[in-house]
C-alpha atoms as a PDB file:
ATOM      1  CA  UNK A   1     -60.410  52.853 -54.737  1.00  0.00           C
ATOM      2  CA  UNK A   2     -60.576  52.317 -57.755  1.00  0.00           C
ATOM      3  CA  UNK A   3     -60.686  53.901 -61.417  1.00  0.00           C
ATOM      4  CA  UNK A   4     -59.535  56.185 -63.968  1.00  0.00           C
ATOM      5  CA  UNK A   5     -56.653  58.836 -63.807  1.00  0.00           C
ATOM      6  CA  UNK A   6     -57.958  62.218 -64.738  1.00  0.00           C
ATOM      7  CA  UNK A   7     -55.161  64.411 -63.623  1.00  0.00           C
ATOM      8  CA  UNK A   8     -51.742  62.983 -64.272  1.00  0.00           C
ATOM      9  CA  UNK A   9     -50.273  66.098 -66.296  1.00  0.00           C
ATOM     10  CA  UNK A  10     -49.248  66.111 -69.717  1.00  0.00           C
ATOM     11  CA  UNK A  11     -45.745  65.560 -70.363  1.00  0.00           C
ATOM     12  CA  UNK A  12     -45.256  66.786 -74.037  1.00  0.00           C
ATOM     13  CA  UNK A  13     -41.776  66.012 -74.899  1.00  0.00           C
ATOM     14  CA  UNK A  14     -40.566  66.872 -78.356  1.00  0.00           C
ATOM     15  CA  UNK A  15     -36.839  67.536 -79.815  1.00  0.00           C
ATOM     16  CA  UNK A  16     -33.928  69.297 -77.506  1.00  0.00           C
ATOM     17  CA  UNK A  17     -34.039  66.942 -75.019  1.00  0.00           C
ATOM     18  CA  UNK A  18     -30.996  68.153 -73.156  1.00  0.00           C
ATOM     19  CA  UNK A  19     -32.336  71.972 -73.190  1.00  0.00           C
ATOM     20  CA  UNK A  20     -35.235  71.202 -71.331  1.00  0.00           C
ATOM     21  CA  UNK A  21     -32.995  68.353 -69.347  1.00  0.00           C
ATOM     22  CA  UNK A  22     -30.941  71.463 -67.699  1.00  0.00           C
ATOM     23  CA  UNK A  23     -34.312  73.472 -67.390  1.00  0.00           C
ATOM     24  CA  UNK A  24     -35.295  70.714 -65.280  1.00  0.00           C
ATOM     25  CA  UNK A  25     -32.463  70.423 -63.495  1.00  0.00           C
ATOM     26  CA  UNK A  26     -32.524  74.357 -62.717  1.00  0.00           C
ATOM     27  CA  UNK A  27     -36.095  74.413 -61.497  1.00  0.00           C
ATOM     28  CA  UNK A  28     -34.969  71.167 -59.288  1.00  0.00           C
ATOM     29  CA  UNK A  29     -32.445  73.521 -58.121  1.00  0.00           C
ATOM     30  CA  UNK A  30     -34.142  76.288 -57.425  1.00  0.00           C
ATOM     31  CA  UNK A  31     -36.973  74.412 -55.326  1.00  0.00           C
ATOM     32  CA  UNK A  32     -33.878  72.468 -53.060  1.00  0.00           C
ATOM     33  CA  UNK A  33     -32.545  75.693 -52.492  1.00  0.00           C
ATOM     34  CA  UNK A  34     -35.607  77.187 -51.353  1.00  0.00           C
ATOM     35  CA  UNK A  35     -36.524  74.234 -49.481  1.00  0.00           C
ATOM     36  CA  UNK A  36     -33.177  74.876 -47.663  1.00  0.00           C
ATOM     37  CA  UNK A  37     -33.387  78.618 -46.842  1.00  0.00           C
ATOM     38  CA  UNK A  38     -37.514  77.974 -45.378  1.00  0.00           C
ATOM     39  CA  UNK A  39     -36.064  74.987 -43.002  1.00  0.00           C
ATOM     40  CA  UNK A  40     -32.889  73.108 -42.055  1.00  0.00           C
ATOM     41  CA  UNK A  41     -30.117  71.722 -44.732  1.00  0.00           C
ATOM     42  CA  UNK A  42     -30.763  68.859 -43.191  1.00  0.00           C
ATOM     43  CA  UNK A  43     -33.326  66.586 -45.406  1.00  0.00           C
ATOM     44  CA  UNK A  44     -34.367  64.187 -41.943  1.00  0.00           C
ATOM     45  CA  UNK A  45     -35.583  67.702 -40.414  1.00  0.00           C
ATOM     46  CA  UNK A  46     -36.493  69.467 -43.235  1.00  0.00           C
ATOM     47  CA  UNK A  47     -39.775  67.340 -44.821  1.00  0.00           C
ATOM     48  CA  UNK A  48     -40.181  70.229 -48.058  1.00  0.00           C
ATOM     49  CA  UNK A  49     -35.976  69.270 -48.468  1.00  0.00           C
ATOM     50  CA  UNK A  50     -36.215  65.621 -48.410  1.00  0.00           C
ATOM     51  CA  UNK A  51     -39.364  65.629 -50.680  1.00  0.00           C
ATOM     52  CA  UNK A  52     -37.777  68.460 -53.182  1.00  0.00           C
ATOM     53  CA  UNK A  53     -34.519  65.542 -52.972  1.00  0.00           C
ATOM     54  CA  UNK A  54     -36.423  62.593 -53.921  1.00  0.00           C
ATOM     55  CA  UNK A  55     -37.868  64.397 -56.845  1.00  0.00           C
ATOM     56  CA  UNK A  56     -34.510  65.762 -58.306  1.00  0.00           C
ATOM     57  CA  UNK A  57     -33.067  62.139 -57.780  1.00  0.00           C
ATOM     58  CA  UNK A  58     -36.450  60.906 -59.651  1.00  0.00           C
ATOM     59  CA  UNK A  59     -35.525  63.060 -62.348  1.00  0.00           C
ATOM     60  CA  UNK A  60     -31.787  61.797 -62.230  1.00  0.00           C
ATOM     61  CA  UNK A  61     -30.325  64.913 -61.360  1.00  0.00           C
ATOM     62  CA  UNK A  62     -26.494  64.232 -60.679  1.00  0.00           C
ATOM     63  CA  UNK A  63     -25.411  64.526 -56.634  1.00  0.00           C
ATOM     64  CA  UNK A  64     -22.953  67.491 -57.249  1.00  0.00           C
ATOM     65  CA  UNK A  65     -25.840  69.297 -58.627  1.00  0.00           C
ATOM     66  CA  UNK A  66     -28.291  68.610 -55.539  1.00  0.00           C
ATOM     67  CA  UNK A  67     -25.445  69.207 -53.025  1.00  0.00           C
ATOM     68  CA  UNK A  68     -24.597  72.451 -54.730  1.00  0.00           C
ATOM     69  CA  UNK A  69     -28.138  73.873 -54.162  1.00  0.00           C
ATOM     70  CA  UNK A  70     -28.224  72.846 -51.178  1.00  0.00           C
ATOM     71  CA  UNK A  71     -24.982  74.685 -50.301  1.00  0.00           C
ATOM     72  CA  UNK A  72     -26.493  78.269 -52.186  1.00  0.00           C
ATOM     73  CA  UNK A  73     -29.528  77.804 -49.471  1.00  0.00           C
ATOM     74  CA  UNK A  74     -27.468  77.421 -46.710  1.00  0.00           C
ATOM     75  CA  UNK A  75     -27.703  80.687 -44.427  1.00  0.00           C
ATOM     76  CA  UNK A  76     -25.427  83.546 -45.941  1.00  0.00           C
ATOM     77  CA  UNK A  77     -24.678  81.702 -49.083  1.00  0.00           C
ATOM     78  CA  UNK A  78     -27.434  83.605 -51.401  1.00  0.00           C
ATOM     79  CA  UNK A  79     -29.167  86.349 -50.359  1.00  0.00           C
ATOM     80  CA  UNK A  80     -32.178  85.859 -53.090  1.00  0.00           C
ATOM     81  CA  UNK A  81     -35.422  85.774 -51.853  1.00  0.00           C
ATOM     82  CA  UNK A  82     -37.791  83.078 -53.498  1.00  0.00           C
ATOM     83  CA  UNK A  83     -41.745  84.107 -53.812  1.00  0.00           C
ATOM     84  CA  UNK A  84     -44.132  81.065 -54.320  1.00  0.00           C
ATOM     85  CA  UNK A  85     -47.010  82.649 -56.451  1.00  0.00           C
ATOM     86  CA  UNK A  86     -49.622  81.336 -58.574  1.00  0.00           C
ATOM     87  CA  UNK A  87     -51.260  82.398 -61.618  1.00  0.00           C
ATOM     88  CA  UNK A  88     -54.452  81.108 -63.718  1.00  0.00           C
ATOM     89  CA  UNK A  89     -55.711  81.512 -66.540  1.00  0.00           C
ATOM     90  CA  UNK A  90     -57.353  79.547 -69.994  1.00  0.00           C
ATOM     91  CA  UNK A  91     -55.514  78.069 -72.641  1.00  0.00           C
ATOM     92  CA  UNK A  92     -56.445  77.238 -76.109  1.00  0.00           C
ATOM     93  CA  UNK A  93     -59.418  75.344 -76.027  1.00  0.00           C
ATOM     94  CA  UNK A  94     -60.768  76.944 -73.258  1.00  0.00           C
ATOM     95  CA  UNK A  95     -58.485  74.891 -71.148  1.00  0.00           C
ATOM     96  CA  UNK A  96     -58.020  76.153 -67.523  1.00  0.00           C
ATOM     97  CA  UNK A  97     -54.222  76.406 -66.397  1.00  0.00           C
ATOM     98  CA  UNK A  98     -52.559  77.193 -63.143  1.00  0.00           C
ATOM     99  CA  UNK A  99     -48.891  77.786 -63.028  1.00  0.00           C
ATOM    100  CA  UNK A 100     -47.087  77.483 -59.842  1.00  0.00           C
ATOM    101  CA  UNK A 101     -43.308  79.554 -59.721  1.00  0.00           C
ATOM    102  CA  UNK A 102     -40.565  80.477 -57.777  1.00  0.00           C
ATOM    103  CA  UNK A 103     -39.663  83.826 -58.199  1.00  0.00           C
ATOM    104  CA  UNK A 104     -37.492  86.862 -56.762  1.00  0.00           C
ATOM    105  CA  UNK A 105     -38.926  89.017 -59.079  1.00  0.00           C
ATOM    106  CA  UNK A 106     -43.261  89.316 -59.062  1.00  0.00           C
ATOM    107  CA  UNK A 107     -42.924  92.297 -61.431  1.00  0.00           C
ATOM    108  CA  UNK A 108     -40.837  90.211 -63.885  1.00  0.00           C
ATOM    109  CA  UNK A 109     -42.677  86.921 -64.154  1.00  0.00           C
ATOM    110  CA  UNK A 110     -46.163  88.164 -63.857  1.00  0.00           C
ATOM    111  CA  UNK A 111     -46.088  90.212 -67.117  1.00  0.00           C
ATOM    112  CA  UNK A 112     -44.007  88.062 -68.562  1.00  0.00           C
ATOM    113  CA  UNK A 113     -46.955  85.441 -68.173  1.00  0.00           C
ATOM    114  CA  UNK A 114     -49.376  87.535 -68.983  1.00  0.00           C
ATOM    115  CA  UNK A 115     -47.880  87.766 -72.506  1.00  0.00           C
ATOM    116  CA  UNK A 116     -47.332  84.333 -72.793  1.00  0.00           C
ATOM    117  CA  UNK A 117     -51.243  83.769 -72.633  1.00  0.00           C
ATOM    118  CA  UNK A 118     -52.392  86.561 -74.302  1.00  0.00           C
ATOM    119  CA  UNK A 119     -50.077  85.746 -77.648  1.00  0.00           C
ATOM    120  CA  UNK A 120     -51.283  82.049 -77.481  1.00  0.00           C
ATOM    121  CA  UNK A 121     -54.746  82.003 -77.148  1.00  0.00           C
ATOM    122  CA  UNK A 122     -54.898  82.269 -73.732  1.00  0.00           C
ATOM    123  CA  UNK A 123     -56.732  84.648 -71.565  1.00  0.00           C
ATOM    124  CA  UNK A 124     -54.450  85.191 -68.041  1.00  0.00           C
ATOM    125  CA  UNK A 125     -57.162  85.309 -65.464  1.00  0.00           C
ATOM    126  CA  UNK A 126     -57.451  86.836 -61.457  1.00  0.00           C
ATOM    127  CA  UNK A 127     -56.983  84.621 -58.547  1.00  0.00           C
ATOM    128  CA  UNK A 128     -59.475  82.180 -57.924  1.00  0.00           C
ATOM    129  CA  UNK A 129     -60.790  81.921 -61.792  1.00  0.00           C
ATOM    130  CA  UNK A 130     -59.731  78.964 -62.361  1.00  0.00           C
ATOM    131  CA  UNK A 131     -58.766  77.176 -59.028  1.00  0.00           C
ATOM    132  CA  UNK A 132     -62.344  76.688 -57.759  1.00  0.00           C
ATOM    133  CA  UNK A 133     -62.400  73.801 -60.428  1.00  0.00           C
ATOM    134  CA  UNK A 134     -59.566  71.703 -58.982  1.00  0.00           C
ATOM    135  CA  UNK A 135     -59.610  69.903 -55.536  1.00  0.00           C
ATOM    136  CA  UNK A 136     -55.584  70.466 -53.871  1.00  0.00           C
ATOM    137  CA  UNK A 137     -54.302  66.686 -52.885  1.00  0.00           C
ATOM    138  CA  UNK A 138     -51.285  64.877 -52.525  1.00  0.00           C
ATOM    139  CA  UNK A 139     -49.710  62.766 -55.243  1.00  0.00           C
ATOM    140  CA  UNK A 140     -47.093  59.509 -54.424  1.00  0.00           C
ATOM    141  CA  UNK A 141     -46.520  57.798 -57.938  1.00  0.00           C
ATOM    142  CA  UNK A 142     -44.753  54.063 -58.373  1.00  0.00           C
ATOM    143  CA  UNK A 143     -43.551  52.411 -61.443  1.00  0.00           C
ATOM    144  CA  UNK A 144     -46.528  49.599 -62.096  1.00  0.00           C
ATOM    145  CA  UNK A 145     -43.430  47.183 -61.392  1.00  0.00           C
ATOM    146  CA  UNK A 146     -43.339  47.264 -57.905  1.00  0.00           C
ATOM    147  CA  UNK A 147     -46.609  45.010 -57.445  1.00  0.00           C
ATOM    148  CA  UNK A 148     -50.094  44.348 -58.362  1.00  0.00           C
ATOM    149  CA  UNK A 149     -52.767  46.776 -58.057  1.00  0.00           C
ATOM    150  CA  UNK A 150     -53.973  45.133 -55.188  1.00  0.00           C
ATOM    151  CA  UNK A 151     -50.872  44.855 -53.483  1.00  0.00           C
ATOM    152  CA  UNK A 152     -50.750  48.959 -53.661  1.00  0.00           C
ATOM    153  CA  UNK A 153     -54.075  49.213 -52.817  1.00  0.00           C
ATOM    154  CA  UNK A 154     -53.614  47.251 -48.943  1.00  0.00           C
ATOM    155  CA  UNK A 155     -50.441  49.551 -48.867  1.00  0.00           C
ATOM    156  CA  UNK A 156     -51.870  52.397 -50.084  1.00  0.00           C
ATOM    157  CA  UNK A 157     -54.874  51.907 -47.532  1.00  0.00           C
ATOM    158  CA  UNK A 158     -52.859  51.276 -44.751  1.00  0.00           C
ATOM    159  CA  UNK A 159     -50.161  53.979 -45.313  1.00  0.00           C
ATOM    160  CA  UNK A 160     -53.706  56.650 -45.032  1.00  0.00           C
ATOM    161  CA  UNK A 161     -54.545  57.055 -48.465  1.00  0.00           C
ATOM    162  CA  UNK A 162     -57.448  58.283 -50.024  1.00  0.00           C
ATOM    163  CA  UNK A 163     -57.386  57.092 -53.436  1.00  0.00           C
ATOM    164  CA  UNK A 164     -55.218  54.508 -56.129  1.00  0.00           C
ATOM    165  CA  UNK A 165     -54.990  54.299 -59.778  1.00  0.00           C
ATOM    166  CA  UNK A 166     -53.563  51.248 -61.098  1.00  0.00           C
ATOM    167  CA  UNK A 167     -52.548  52.531 -65.229  1.00  0.00           C
ATOM    168  CA  UNK A 168     -50.357  50.413 -67.509  1.00  0.00           C
ATOM    169  CA  UNK A 169     -47.361  52.428 -66.294  1.00  0.00           C
ATOM    170  CA  UNK A 170     -47.851  53.474 -62.856  1.00  0.00           C
ATOM    171  CA  UNK A 171     -50.181  53.374 -59.949  1.00  0.00           C
ATOM    172  CA  UNK A 172     -51.154  57.191 -59.073  1.00  0.00           C
ATOM    173  CA  UNK A 173     -52.158  57.459 -54.998  1.00  0.00           C
ATOM    174  CA  UNK A 174     -53.506  60.726 -53.712  1.00  0.00           C
ATOM    175  CA  UNK A 175     -53.828  61.506 -50.650  1.00  0.00           C
ATOM    176  CA  UNK A 176     -54.977  64.764 -48.627  1.00  0.00           C
ATOM    177  CA  UNK A 177     -52.091  67.345 -48.897  1.00  0.00           C
ATOM    178  CA  UNK A 178     -51.772  67.961 -44.756  1.00  0.00           C
ATOM    179  CA  UNK A 179     -51.288  63.713 -44.995  1.00  0.00           C
ATOM    180  CA  UNK A 180     -48.438  63.848 -47.865  1.00  0.00           C
ATOM    181  CA  UNK A 181     -45.360  63.544 -45.881  1.00  0.00           C
ATOM    182  CA  UNK A 182     -46.689  60.729 -43.604  1.00  0.00           C
ATOM    183  CA  UNK A 183     -48.319  58.542 -46.403  1.00  0.00           C
ATOM    184  CA  UNK A 184     -44.912  58.712 -48.423  1.00  0.00           C
ATOM    185  CA  UNK A 185     -43.002  57.852 -45.587  1.00  0.00           C
ATOM    186  CA  UNK A 186     -45.253  54.510 -45.179  1.00  0.00           C
ATOM    187  CA  UNK A 187     -44.905  54.002 -48.395  1.00  0.00           C
ATOM    188  CA  UNK A 188     -41.518  54.090 -48.977  1.00  0.00           C
ATOM    189  CA  UNK A 189     -40.608  51.858 -45.933  1.00  0.00           C
ATOM    190  CA  UNK A 190     -42.777  49.703 -47.769  1.00  0.00           C
ATOM    191  CA  UNK A 191     -42.300  50.179 -51.579  1.00  0.00           C
ATOM    192  CA  UNK A 192     -39.037  51.978 -51.819  1.00  0.00           C
ATOM    193  CA  UNK A 193     -38.455  55.562 -53.316  1.00  0.00           C
ATOM    194  CA  UNK A 194     -41.202  56.714 -55.468  1.00  0.00           C
ATOM    195  CA  UNK A 195     -41.109  58.177 -58.985  1.00  0.00           C
ATOM    196  CA  UNK A 196     -42.871  61.370 -57.386  1.00  0.00           C
ATOM    197  CA  UNK A 197     -44.392  63.141 -54.225  1.00  0.00           C
ATOM    198  CA  UNK A 198     -46.204  66.144 -54.243  1.00  0.00           C
ATOM    199  CA  UNK A 199     -48.675  68.439 -53.830  1.00  0.00           C
ATOM    200  CA  UNK A 200     -50.878  68.374 -56.388  1.00  0.00           C
ATOM    201  CA  UNK A 201     -53.819  69.902 -58.443  1.00  0.00           C
ATOM    202  CA  UNK A 202     -56.823  67.533 -59.507  1.00  0.00           C
ATOM    203  CA  UNK A 203     -59.574  68.267 -61.815  1.00  0.00           C
ATOM    204  CA  UNK A 204     -62.919  68.281 -60.842  1.00  0.00           C
ATOM    205  CA  UNK A 205     -64.046  69.161 -63.949  1.00  0.00           C
ATOM    206  CA  UNK A 206     -62.210  68.306 -67.558  1.00  0.00           C
ATOM    207  CA  UNK A 207     -62.061  70.403 -70.896  1.00  0.00           C
ATOM    208  CA  UNK A 208     -62.247  67.455 -73.743  1.00  0.00           C
ATOM    209  CA  UNK A 209     -59.782  68.621 -76.569  1.00  0.00           C
ATOM    210  CA  UNK A 210     -61.042  66.467 -79.547  1.00  0.00           C
ATOM    211  CA  UNK A 211     -59.110  67.857 -82.487  1.00  0.00           C
ATOM    212  CA  UNK A 212     -55.699  67.790 -83.782  1.00  0.00           C
ATOM    213  CA  UNK A 213     -54.750  71.989 -84.156  1.00  0.00           C
ATOM    214  CA  UNK A 214     -56.023  72.721 -80.829  1.00  0.00           C
ATOM    215  CA  UNK A 215     -54.378  70.333 -79.155  1.00  0.00           C
ATOM    216  CA  UNK A 216     -51.512  71.645 -81.132  1.00  0.00           C
ATOM    217  CA  UNK A 217     -51.589  74.741 -80.051  1.00  0.00           C
ATOM    218  CA  UNK A 218     -52.393  73.746 -76.216  1.00  0.00           C
ATOM    219  CA  UNK A 219     -49.145  71.876 -75.975  1.00  0.00           C
ATOM    220  CA  UNK A 220     -46.503  74.502 -78.211  1.00  0.00           C
ATOM    221  CA  UNK A 221     -48.172  76.410 -75.222  1.00  0.00           C
ATOM    222  CA  UNK A 222     -47.513  74.559 -71.883  1.00  0.00           C
ATOM    223  CA  UNK A 223     -43.978  74.042 -73.403  1.00  0.00           C
ATOM    224  CA  UNK A 224     -43.804  77.879 -73.694  1.00  0.00           C
ATOM    225  CA  UNK A 225     -44.632  78.532 -70.202  1.00  0.00           C
ATOM    226  CA  UNK A 226     -42.678  75.545 -69.112  1.00  0.00           C
ATOM    227  CA  UNK A 227     -39.671  77.391 -71.152  1.00  0.00           C
ATOM    228  CA  UNK A 228     -39.533  80.050 -68.237  1.00  0.00           C
ATOM    229  CA  UNK A 229     -36.949  80.309 -65.491  1.00  0.00           C
ATOM    230  CA  UNK A 230     -39.536  81.619 -63.084  1.00  0.00           C
ATOM    231  CA  UNK A 231     -42.319  78.230 -63.548  1.00  0.00           C
ATOM    232  CA  UNK A 232     -41.908  75.371 -61.646  1.00  0.00           C
ATOM    233  CA  UNK A 233     -44.974  73.619 -62.813  1.00  0.00           C
ATOM    234  CA  UNK A 234     -48.028  73.660 -65.267  1.00  0.00           C
ATOM    235  CA  UNK A 235     -51.694  72.296 -64.738  1.00  0.00           C
ATOM    236  CA  UNK A 236     -54.239  71.968 -66.814  1.00  0.00           C
ATOM    237  CA  UNK A 237     -57.515  70.248 -66.778  1.00  0.00           C
ATOM    238  CA  UNK A 238     -56.919  69.380 -70.454  1.00  0.00           C
ATOM    239  CA  UNK A 239     -58.933  65.606 -71.475  1.00  0.00           C
ATOM    240  CA  UNK A 240     -57.059  65.207 -74.681  1.00  0.00           C
ATOM    241  CA  UNK A 241     -58.523  62.180 -76.806  1.00  0.00           C
ATOM    242  CA  UNK A 242     -56.540  59.422 -77.292  1.00  0.00           C
ATOM    243  CA  UNK A 243     -56.574  59.591 -80.715  1.00  0.00           C
ATOM    244  CA  UNK A 244     -55.242  62.992 -80.882  1.00  0.00           C
ATOM    245  CA  UNK A 245     -52.702  62.260 -78.485  1.00  0.00           C
ATOM    246  CA  UNK A 246     -51.335  59.696 -80.600  1.00  0.00           C
ATOM    247  CA  UNK A 247     -50.815  61.500 -83.752  1.00  0.00           C
ATOM    248  CA  UNK A 248     -49.279  64.599 -81.247  1.00  0.00           C
ATOM    249  CA  UNK A 249     -46.797  62.069 -79.892  1.00  0.00           C
ATOM    250  CA  UNK A 250     -46.249  60.843 -83.609  1.00  0.00           C
ATOM    251  CA  UNK A 251     -44.919  64.119 -84.860  1.00  0.00           C
END
């Protein structure tokens, strides 16, 4: 259970932080509301809701926001029906991209995303055109401060995880999708609340990006996708050169 992290999603933070924060809170609230609608309003009895609340807290979402999102999802409080939809395609540099969305109107979301792909050097693909390059996994992340790599390795192994990658910033733990809730609960009992716990996509093959211009176009495209209200997450198989990433972060 060792190796290098090859699937951590690229987080490109640049300007307009307040606007992005509001956008993140809106997406987290939508996930909480949908979790309540598909289960129960009690997180103890609803694993999806428990996970959604946990992810919201990891982003420092205010308690009042979380409670409003739960109330909105209770029976009769909101009649909006959201669907979980996955879109696939290719971005600048022929990078594979998966877009996960929660939408109440596919006729709005699909054309919006198709337009974003076509206007930003991408190709909007058919279902299955990209996901064969990825493996579905459960992903749990803890800050590096919770323990040594050896200690986290032992804890994760006992909890039923498949792999652990410890970087300078975090311990990244993976498991099968089916085991995510069990592994997370076992680790939480020992290590506390994780930074993140979610179903994720791990690239089986990565696309290297070694020039600044392509990397800039890709990051701008990812930002535009994330700005869409229906988009919950954007996952890529991009492997951006370390020196190029430093240049991006310095801009």
